């Protein structure tokens, strides 16, 4: 068994497998884990922040355009990291786009964070 340490980084599991019973004739219990030491949140957050700043400065005109700007970069960051759940990420990105369209149409307001008083 090899030991790995991700100093100062989070462990991001990309794939795991386990042997299945029956455990006979060399089929011993075993688990394999593939991982990366840096989750793609940094690149994804940077893309979201970049597009948000462009919207604030007026380069991007709507919340929908802001989400359309960041979604491909977020997807690319997670895909490059080897995330096995890209289908779930697609659902999240689609929901963000629908939410942004609703904000642009005035059906709901932009998200706010309630700060404690």
Foldseek 3Di string as FASTA:
>chain_A
DDDDDLPPFAKAWQDKDWQDDPCPDPSHTDMDTDIDRHQLPVQLVVQLVVLVVCCVVPVQPFLLSSLVRRLVRNLVSRVVRNHPPSVVVVVVSVVSNVVRVCCRVVVDHDDDDDDDD
